Protein backbone atom coordinates (compact mmCIF):
# COMPACT_ATOMS: atom_id res chain seq x y z
CA MET A 1 16.72 7.71 -28.06
CA LYS A 2 16.55 7.64 -31.86
CA THR A 3 12.90 8.62 -31.80
CA LEU A 4 13.62 11.48 -29.41
CA PHE A 5 16.47 12.72 -31.61
CA ILE A 6 14.23 12.59 -34.69
CA ILE A 7 11.53 14.58 -32.89
CA LEU A 8 14.04 17.15 -31.58
CA GLY A 9 15.69 17.34 -35.01
CA SER A 10 12.33 17.96 -36.63
CA VAL A 11 11.52 20.72 -34.12
CA ALA A 12 14.94 22.32 -34.76
CA LEU A 13 14.33 22.03 -38.51
CA ALA A 14 10.91 23.68 -38.23
CA LEU A 15 12.34 26.52 -36.13
CA GLY A 16 15.25 26.88 -38.56
CA VAL A 17 12.88 27.24 -41.49
CA MET A 18 10.87 29.80 -39.50
CA GLY A 19 14.17 31.60 -38.86
CA ILE A 20 14.46 32.32 -42.57
CA PHE A 21 11.47 34.64 -42.17
CA VAL A 22 11.66 35.67 -38.49
CA PRO A 23 14.74 37.78 -37.75
CA LEU A 24 15.46 36.71 -34.18
CA LEU A 25 15.37 32.97 -34.88
CA PRO A 26 18.84 31.86 -35.96
CA THR A 27 18.46 29.77 -39.13
CA THR A 28 21.92 28.25 -39.52
CA PRO A 29 22.47 27.11 -35.90
CA LEU A 30 19.03 25.48 -35.82
CA LEU A 31 19.64 23.73 -39.14
CA LEU A 32 23.04 22.56 -37.87
CA LEU A 33 21.36 21.22 -34.73
CA ALA A 34 18.76 19.40 -36.85
CA ALA A 35 21.54 17.90 -38.97
CA ALA A 36 23.45 16.73 -35.88
CA LEU A 37 20.34 15.16 -34.37
CA TYR A 38 19.42 13.48 -37.67
CA PHE A 39 23.01 12.24 -38.01
CA LYS A 40 22.70 10.45 -34.65
CA SER A 41 19.25 9.04 -35.33
CA SER A 42 18.46 8.64 -39.03
CA PRO A 43 20.98 8.51 -41.89
CA ARG A 44 18.08 8.84 -44.34
CA LEU A 45 16.86 12.14 -42.79
CA TYR A 46 20.43 13.42 -42.49
CA GLU A 47 21.10 12.79 -46.18
CA TRP A 48 17.75 14.31 -47.12
CA LEU A 49 18.57 17.49 -45.18
CA LEU A 50 22.10 17.79 -46.59
CA ASN A 51 20.82 17.29 -50.14
CA HIS A 52 17.79 19.55 -49.79
CA PRO A 53 17.95 22.15 -52.60
CA ARG A 54 17.38 25.13 -50.28
CA LEU A 55 18.27 24.09 -46.74
CA GLY A 56 21.26 21.89 -47.51
CA GLU A 57 23.24 24.87 -48.73
CA TYR A 58 23.09 26.56 -45.29
CA ILE A 59 24.52 23.47 -43.63
CA ARG A 60 27.14 22.65 -46.27
CA ASN A 61 28.43 26.23 -46.46
CA PHE A 62 28.80 26.54 -42.73
CA ARG A 63 30.32 23.08 -42.24
CA GLU A 64 32.81 23.48 -45.08
CA TYR A 65 33.78 27.15 -44.79
CA ARG A 66 32.49 28.37 -41.38
CA ALA A 67 31.34 31.41 -43.31
CA ILE A 68 28.08 33.25 -44.04
CA PRO A 69 27.26 34.76 -47.45
CA LEU A 70 27.42 38.57 -47.58
CA ARG A 71 23.75 38.88 -48.56
CA ALA A 72 22.69 36.74 -45.58
CA LYS A 73 24.80 38.88 -43.23
CA ILE A 74 23.29 42.11 -44.55
CA VAL A 75 19.72 40.82 -44.40
CA SER A 76 20.17 39.30 -40.94
CA VAL A 77 21.75 42.33 -39.32
CA THR A 78 19.28 44.70 -40.99
CA LEU A 79 16.26 42.68 -39.85
CA VAL A 80 17.63 42.37 -36.32
CA TRP A 81 18.00 46.14 -36.04
CA ILE A 82 14.63 46.86 -37.64
CA THR A 83 12.84 44.42 -35.36
CA ILE A 84 14.59 45.39 -32.15
CA GLY A 85 14.56 49.06 -33.10
CA TYR A 86 10.79 48.91 -33.53
CA CYS A 87 10.47 47.26 -30.12
CA ILE A 88 12.70 49.90 -28.52
CA ILE A 89 10.73 52.78 -30.03
CA SER A 90 7.19 51.41 -29.83
CA VAL A 91 6.98 48.64 -27.25
CA VAL A 92 9.30 49.60 -24.39
CA GLU A 93 9.43 53.34 -24.95
CA GLU A 94 8.78 54.05 -21.26
CA TRP A 95 11.50 51.81 -19.81
CA TRP A 96 15.04 53.04 -20.41
CA TRP A 97 16.54 49.87 -18.91
CA ALA A 98 14.61 47.65 -21.34
CA GLN A 99 15.75 49.85 -24.22
CA ALA A 100 19.35 49.49 -23.05
CA LEU A 101 19.03 45.70 -22.75
CA MET A 102 17.44 45.39 -26.18
CA SER A 103 20.13 47.60 -27.71
CA ALA A 104 22.79 45.40 -26.10
CA LEU A 105 21.02 42.30 -27.45
CA ALA A 106 20.93 43.73 -30.99
CA LEU A 107 24.60 44.64 -30.72
CA ALA A 108 25.52 41.15 -29.46
CA ILE A 109 23.55 39.41 -32.23
CA SER A 110 25.06 41.68 -34.88
CA SER A 111 28.57 41.13 -33.54
CA HIS A 112 28.06 37.36 -33.56
CA ILE A 113 26.81 37.35 -37.15
CA LEU A 114 29.59 39.64 -38.33
CA SER A 115 32.26 37.62 -36.50
CA PHE A 116 32.01 34.83 -39.07
CA ASP A 117 33.94 35.05 -42.31
CA THR A 118 32.09 36.20 -45.39
CA LEU A 119 31.50 33.38 -47.86
CA LYS A 120 32.87 34.28 -51.27
CA LYS A 121 31.41 32.31 -54.16
């Protein structure tokens, strides 16, 4: 099981890092999943992730404060709307039902991000 958890944690970590650059991949939940899987399988990988100079901050901030920094909220919500807005206008322009579903998805994602407290540092 430890090997499986390490593999799954590494996949979650890779997707979390991709989520920094791809708007619809949720960075923090994937990094939290990677941390949980590493915690169960490898104390060394868990400590490495928590102490990572860039990625560790996502996990520590969320675990300690259950909050997202203002800049991250703004960037996330903006990128979600730009990406889904582009898809609504250019990709599914013929299908009103797909546009409605994508608008609802963007609204749900935005609401979820904005539902967390804003981290004040």
